[in-house]
């Protein structure tokens, strides 16, 4: 035997659904919307009402954050070039002698790997160098300018001669 209330309840639910779909209060696909809604609205100068429309810029909580400002560090000291005899240099600023200039009577001054050691390069007259350390008459120097080759060789040591670029 059928229960009369259950048949009535099922009928009422079905009629309510038909009424909601017929009046437009319930859509067949409410999550996806109409894919042509934006094109239809554009011809009447309306904005698109579907889920494909652009919602504007992201909220401020998701905006990119500027990197923190770091304090400027002092520049690192220049890398050492090698050891030069102090007799072959002249102070560029005599009281402090923070910079020296190669000053020889020959084509250039030999740069050595260690004080009194093997020659690794040669610097032409007038090349500025920065003194880093002194050991006796030898000075550990760093280049004071960008060095470039002269495509000539030191006559005394057979190593390339370098000048400021």
C-alpha atoms as a PDB file:
ATOM      1  CA  UNK A   1       0.000   0.000   0.000  1.00  0.00           C
ATOM      2  CA  UNK A   2       1.264   3.408  -0.951  1.00  0.00           C
ATOM      3  CA  UNK A   3       1.467   6.161   1.512  1.00  0.00           C
ATOM      4  CA  UNK A   4      -0.548   9.151   0.214  1.00  0.00           C
ATOM      5  CA  UNK A   5       1.667  11.814   1.846  1.00  0.00           C
ATOM      6  CA  UNK A   6       4.869  10.609   0.188  1.00  0.00           C
ATOM      7  CA  UNK A   7       3.274  10.879  -3.284  1.00  0.00           C
ATOM      8  CA  UNK A   8       2.099  14.390  -2.484  1.00  0.00           C
ATOM      9  CA  UNK A   9       5.523  15.405  -1.196  1.00  0.00           C
ATOM     10  CA  UNK A  10       7.260  14.118  -4.323  1.00  0.00           C
ATOM     11  CA  UNK A  11       4.730  15.903  -6.530  1.00  0.00           C
ATOM     12  CA  UNK A  12       5.172  19.194  -4.611  1.00  0.00           C
ATOM     13  CA  UNK A  13       8.971  19.044  -4.829  1.00  0.00           C
ATOM     14  CA  UNK A  14       8.850  18.396  -8.570  1.00  0.00           C
ATOM     15  CA  UNK A  15       6.409  21.267  -9.156  1.00  0.00           C
ATOM     16  CA  UNK A  16       8.597  23.609  -7.086  1.00  0.00           C
ATOM     17  CA  UNK A  17      11.621  22.736  -9.193  1.00  0.00           C
ATOM     18  CA  UNK A  18       9.697  23.284 -12.423  1.00  0.00           C
ATOM     19  CA  UNK A  19       8.502  26.663 -11.136  1.00  0.00           C
ATOM     20  CA  UNK A  20      12.048  27.733 -10.117  1.00  0.00           C
ATOM     21  CA  UNK A  21      13.528  26.786 -13.493  1.00  0.00           C
ATOM     22  CA  UNK A  22      10.657  28.400 -15.375  1.00  0.00           C
ATOM     23  CA  UNK A  23      10.947  31.724 -13.561  1.00  0.00           C
ATOM     24  CA  UNK A  24      14.736  31.860 -13.929  1.00  0.00           C
ATOM     25  CA  UNK A  25      15.435  31.713 -10.206  1.00  0.00           C
ATOM     26  CA  UNK A  26      17.255  28.416 -10.670  1.00  0.00           C
ATOM     27  CA  UNK A  27      19.710  27.979 -13.538  1.00  0.00           C
ATOM     28  CA  UNK A  28      20.511  24.700 -15.152  1.00  0.00           C
ATOM     29  CA  UNK A  29      24.260  25.308 -14.713  1.00  0.00           C
ATOM     30  CA  UNK A  30      24.715  27.961 -12.036  1.00  0.00           C
ATOM     31  CA  UNK A  31      28.451  27.256 -11.538  1.00  0.00           C
ATOM     32  CA  UNK A  32      29.561  27.661 -15.156  1.00  0.00           C
ATOM     33  CA  UNK A  33      27.179  30.321 -16.409  1.00  0.00           C
ATOM     34  CA  UNK A  34      26.600  31.153 -20.046  1.00  0.00           C
ATOM     35  CA  UNK A  35      29.840  31.140 -22.067  1.00  0.00           C
ATOM     36  CA  UNK A  36      28.363  33.668 -24.530  1.00  0.00           C
ATOM     37  CA  UNK A  37      27.083  35.995 -21.833  1.00  0.00           C
ATOM     38  CA  UNK A  38      30.017  38.409 -22.234  1.00  0.00           C
ATOM     39  CA  UNK A  39      29.559  38.611 -26.023  1.00  0.00           C
ATOM     40  CA  UNK A  40      25.835  39.197 -25.690  1.00  0.00           C
ATOM     41  CA  UNK A  41      26.327  41.852 -23.043  1.00  0.00           C
ATOM     42  CA  UNK A  42      29.070  43.580 -25.058  1.00  0.00           C
ATOM     43  CA  UNK A  43      26.704  44.357 -27.930  1.00  0.00           C
ATOM     44  CA  UNK A  44      24.439  46.237 -25.487  1.00  0.00           C
ATOM     45  CA  UNK A  45      27.416  47.860 -23.621  1.00  0.00           C
ATOM     46  CA  UNK A  46      26.774  45.880 -20.491  1.00  0.00           C
ATOM     47  CA  UNK A  47      29.409  44.152 -18.428  1.00  0.00           C
ATOM     48  CA  UNK A  48      29.604  40.373 -18.484  1.00  0.00           C
ATOM     49  CA  UNK A  49      27.683  38.720 -15.661  1.00  0.00           C
ATOM     50  CA  UNK A  50      29.160  35.263 -15.790  1.00  0.00           C
ATOM     51  CA  UNK A  51      32.043  33.654 -13.937  1.00  0.00           C
ATOM     52  CA  UNK A  52      34.458  34.345 -16.812  1.00  0.00           C
ATOM     53  CA  UNK A  53      34.452  38.089 -16.226  1.00  0.00           C
ATOM     54  CA  UNK A  54      37.549  39.736 -14.800  1.00  0.00           C
ATOM     55  CA  UNK A  55      37.073  40.779 -11.181  1.00  0.00           C
ATOM     56  CA  UNK A  56      39.633  43.578 -11.122  1.00  0.00           C
ATOM     57  CA  UNK A  57      43.043  43.770  -9.458  1.00  0.00           C
ATOM     58  CA  UNK A  58      43.888  41.372  -6.644  1.00  0.00           C
ATOM     59  CA  UNK A  59      43.206  42.515  -3.092  1.00  0.00           C
ATOM     60  CA  UNK A  60      45.980  44.417  -1.366  1.00  0.00           C
ATOM     61  CA  UNK A  61      46.741  41.471   0.883  1.00  0.00           C
ATOM     62  CA  UNK A  62      48.077  39.629  -2.168  1.00  0.00           C
ATOM     63  CA  UNK A  63      49.941  42.547  -3.746  1.00  0.00           C
ATOM     64  CA  UNK A  64      53.702  42.059  -4.156  1.00  0.00           C
ATOM     65  CA  UNK A  65      55.802  43.384  -1.320  1.00  0.00           C
ATOM     66  CA  UNK A  66      58.803  45.602  -2.010  1.00  0.00           C
ATOM     67  CA  UNK A  67      62.119  44.040  -0.983  1.00  0.00           C
ATOM     68  CA  UNK A  68      63.665  45.424   2.186  1.00  0.00           C
ATOM     69  CA  UNK A  69      66.158  48.225   1.777  1.00  0.00           C
ATOM     70  CA  UNK A  70      69.665  47.076   2.621  1.00  0.00           C
ATOM     71  CA  UNK A  71      72.418  49.321   3.797  1.00  0.00           C
ATOM     72  CA  UNK A  72      75.171  49.874   1.267  1.00  0.00           C
ATOM     73  CA  UNK A  73      78.271  47.930   2.130  1.00  0.00           C
ATOM     74  CA  UNK A  74      81.696  49.348   1.386  1.00  0.00           C
ATOM     75  CA  UNK A  75      83.155  47.997  -1.837  1.00  0.00           C
ATOM     76  CA  UNK A  76      85.440  45.009  -1.432  1.00  0.00           C
ATOM     77  CA  UNK A  77      89.158  45.653  -1.740  1.00  0.00           C
ATOM     78  CA  UNK A  78      90.568  45.078  -5.208  1.00  0.00           C
ATOM     79  CA  UNK A  79      92.134  41.664  -5.798  1.00  0.00           C
ATOM     80  CA  UNK A  80      95.913  41.692  -5.469  1.00  0.00           C
ATOM     81  CA  UNK A  81      97.937  41.706  -8.659  1.00  0.00           C
ATOM     82  CA  UNK A  82     101.295  40.764  -7.212  1.00  0.00           C
ATOM     83  CA  UNK A  83     104.435  42.159  -5.588  1.00  0.00           C
ATOM     84  CA  UNK A  84     106.376  45.118  -7.005  1.00  0.00           C
ATOM     85  CA  UNK A  85     109.673  46.477  -5.742  1.00  0.00           C
ATOM     86  CA  UNK A  86     109.146  49.752  -3.866  1.00  0.00           C
ATOM     87  CA  UNK A  87     112.124  51.275  -5.692  1.00  0.00           C
ATOM     88  CA  UNK A  88     110.135  51.113  -8.948  1.00  0.00           C
ATOM     89  CA  UNK A  89     107.180  53.153  -7.660  1.00  0.00           C
ATOM     90  CA  UNK A  90     106.426  56.768  -6.831  1.00  0.00           C
ATOM     91  CA  UNK A  91     103.709  57.991  -4.435  1.00  0.00           C
ATOM     92  CA  UNK A  92     100.797  59.655  -6.199  1.00  0.00           C
ATOM     93  CA  UNK A  93      99.715  61.409  -2.969  1.00  0.00           C
ATOM     94  CA  UNK A  94     102.949  61.891  -0.919  1.00  0.00           C
ATOM     95  CA  UNK A  95     101.702  62.347   2.648  1.00  0.00           C
ATOM     96  CA  UNK A  96      99.417  59.279   2.843  1.00  0.00           C
ATOM     97  CA  UNK A  97     100.755  57.257  -0.118  1.00  0.00           C
ATOM     98  CA  UNK A  98      97.381  55.559  -0.727  1.00  0.00           C
ATOM     99  CA  UNK A  99      98.173  55.212  -4.435  1.00  0.00           C
ATOM    100  CA  UNK A 100     101.463  54.651  -6.207  1.00  0.00           C
ATOM    101  CA  UNK A 101     102.455  54.910  -9.847  1.00  0.00           C
ATOM    102  CA  UNK A 102     104.898  52.665 -11.683  1.00  0.00           C
ATOM    103  CA  UNK A 103     107.957  54.760 -12.468  1.00  0.00           C
ATOM    104  CA  UNK A 104     110.909  52.986 -14.087  1.00  0.00           C
ATOM    105  CA  UNK A 105     113.508  53.866 -16.713  1.00  0.00           C
ATOM    106  CA  UNK A 106     112.803  50.680 -18.690  1.00  0.00           C
ATOM    107  CA  UNK A 107     109.614  49.667 -20.486  1.00  0.00           C
ATOM    108  CA  UNK A 108     107.902  48.317 -17.369  1.00  0.00           C
ATOM    109  CA  UNK A 109     108.138  46.963 -13.852  1.00  0.00           C
ATOM    110  CA  UNK A 110     107.982  43.230 -13.200  1.00  0.00           C
ATOM    111  CA  UNK A 111     105.167  41.950 -10.997  1.00  0.00           C
ATOM    112  CA  UNK A 112     106.105  38.919  -8.925  1.00  0.00           C
ATOM    113  CA  UNK A 113     104.073  36.151  -7.311  1.00  0.00           C
ATOM    114  CA  UNK A 114     105.926  36.496  -3.969  1.00  0.00           C
ATOM    115  CA  UNK A 115     108.535  39.031  -2.810  1.00  0.00           C
ATOM    116  CA  UNK A 116     111.662  38.280  -4.856  1.00  0.00           C
ATOM    117  CA  UNK A 117     109.881  35.317  -6.527  1.00  0.00           C
ATOM    118  CA  UNK A 118     108.993  34.411 -10.114  1.00  0.00           C
ATOM    119  CA  UNK A 119     107.701  37.098 -12.467  1.00  0.00           C
ATOM    120  CA  UNK A 120     104.010  36.771 -13.418  1.00  0.00           C
ATOM    121  CA  UNK A 121     103.501  39.999 -15.371  1.00  0.00           C
ATOM    122  CA  UNK A 122     104.832  43.433 -16.207  1.00  0.00           C
ATOM    123  CA  UNK A 123     103.300  46.920 -15.869  1.00  0.00           C
ATOM    124  CA  UNK A 124     104.141  49.851 -18.151  1.00  0.00           C
ATOM    125  CA  UNK A 125     105.260  53.271 -16.891  1.00  0.00           C
ATOM    126  CA  UNK A 126     102.479  55.426 -15.439  1.00  0.00           C
ATOM    127  CA  UNK A 127     100.141  52.575 -14.492  1.00  0.00           C
ATOM    128  CA  UNK A 128      98.490  53.439 -11.140  1.00  0.00           C
ATOM    129  CA  UNK A 129      98.437  50.677  -8.534  1.00  0.00           C
ATOM    130  CA  UNK A 130      96.943  50.526  -5.048  1.00  0.00           C
ATOM    131  CA  UNK A 131      99.326  49.400  -2.281  1.00  0.00           C
ATOM    132  CA  UNK A 132      97.764  46.721  -0.088  1.00  0.00           C
ATOM    133  CA  UNK A 133     100.680  45.621   2.116  1.00  0.00           C
ATOM    134  CA  UNK A 134     104.391  46.283   2.493  1.00  0.00           C
ATOM    135  CA  UNK A 135     107.101  43.757   3.373  1.00  0.00           C
ATOM    136  CA  UNK A 136     110.498  45.375   3.418  1.00  0.00           C
ATOM    137  CA  UNK A 137     111.073  46.986   0.045  1.00  0.00           C
ATOM    138  CA  UNK A 138     108.304  44.914  -1.628  1.00  0.00           C
ATOM    139  CA  UNK A 139     104.738  46.214  -2.008  1.00  0.00           C
ATOM    140  CA  UNK A 140     101.698  44.000  -2.622  1.00  0.00           C
ATOM    141  CA  UNK A 141      99.677  45.948  -5.192  1.00  0.00           C
ATOM    142  CA  UNK A 142      96.253  45.828  -6.837  1.00  0.00           C
ATOM    143  CA  UNK A 143      95.521  47.432 -10.204  1.00  0.00           C
ATOM    144  CA  UNK A 144      94.264  51.012  -9.997  1.00  0.00           C
ATOM    145  CA  UNK A 145      92.639  50.812 -13.437  1.00  0.00           C
ATOM    146  CA  UNK A 146      91.424  48.207 -15.900  1.00  0.00           C
ATOM    147  CA  UNK A 147      94.505  46.608 -17.390  1.00  0.00           C
ATOM    148  CA  UNK A 148      94.817  45.652 -21.011  1.00  0.00           C
ATOM    149  CA  UNK A 149      97.519  43.921 -23.051  1.00  0.00           C
ATOM    150  CA  UNK A 150      99.959  45.832 -25.238  1.00  0.00           C
ATOM    151  CA  UNK A 151     100.688  42.690 -27.275  1.00  0.00           C
ATOM    152  CA  UNK A 152     104.358  43.181 -26.462  1.00  0.00           C
ATOM    153  CA  UNK A 153     106.550  41.265 -24.036  1.00  0.00           C
ATOM    154  CA  UNK A 154     108.867  42.370 -21.261  1.00  0.00           C
ATOM    155  CA  UNK A 155     112.445  42.168 -22.510  1.00  0.00           C
ATOM    156  CA  UNK A 156     113.841  41.168 -19.092  1.00  0.00           C
ATOM    157  CA  UNK A 157     111.317  38.526 -18.009  1.00  0.00           C
ATOM    158  CA  UNK A 158     109.498  37.386 -21.171  1.00  0.00           C
ATOM    159  CA  UNK A 159     106.000  38.093 -19.764  1.00  0.00           C
ATOM    160  CA  UNK A 160     103.207  40.242 -21.286  1.00  0.00           C
ATOM    161  CA  UNK A 161     103.374  44.005 -20.712  1.00  0.00           C
ATOM    162  CA  UNK A 162     100.094  45.565 -19.481  1.00  0.00           C
ATOM    163  CA  UNK A 163      98.788  49.159 -19.573  1.00  0.00           C
ATOM    164  CA  UNK A 164      95.645  50.991 -18.452  1.00  0.00           C
ATOM    165  CA  UNK A 165      92.796  50.728 -20.917  1.00  0.00           C
END
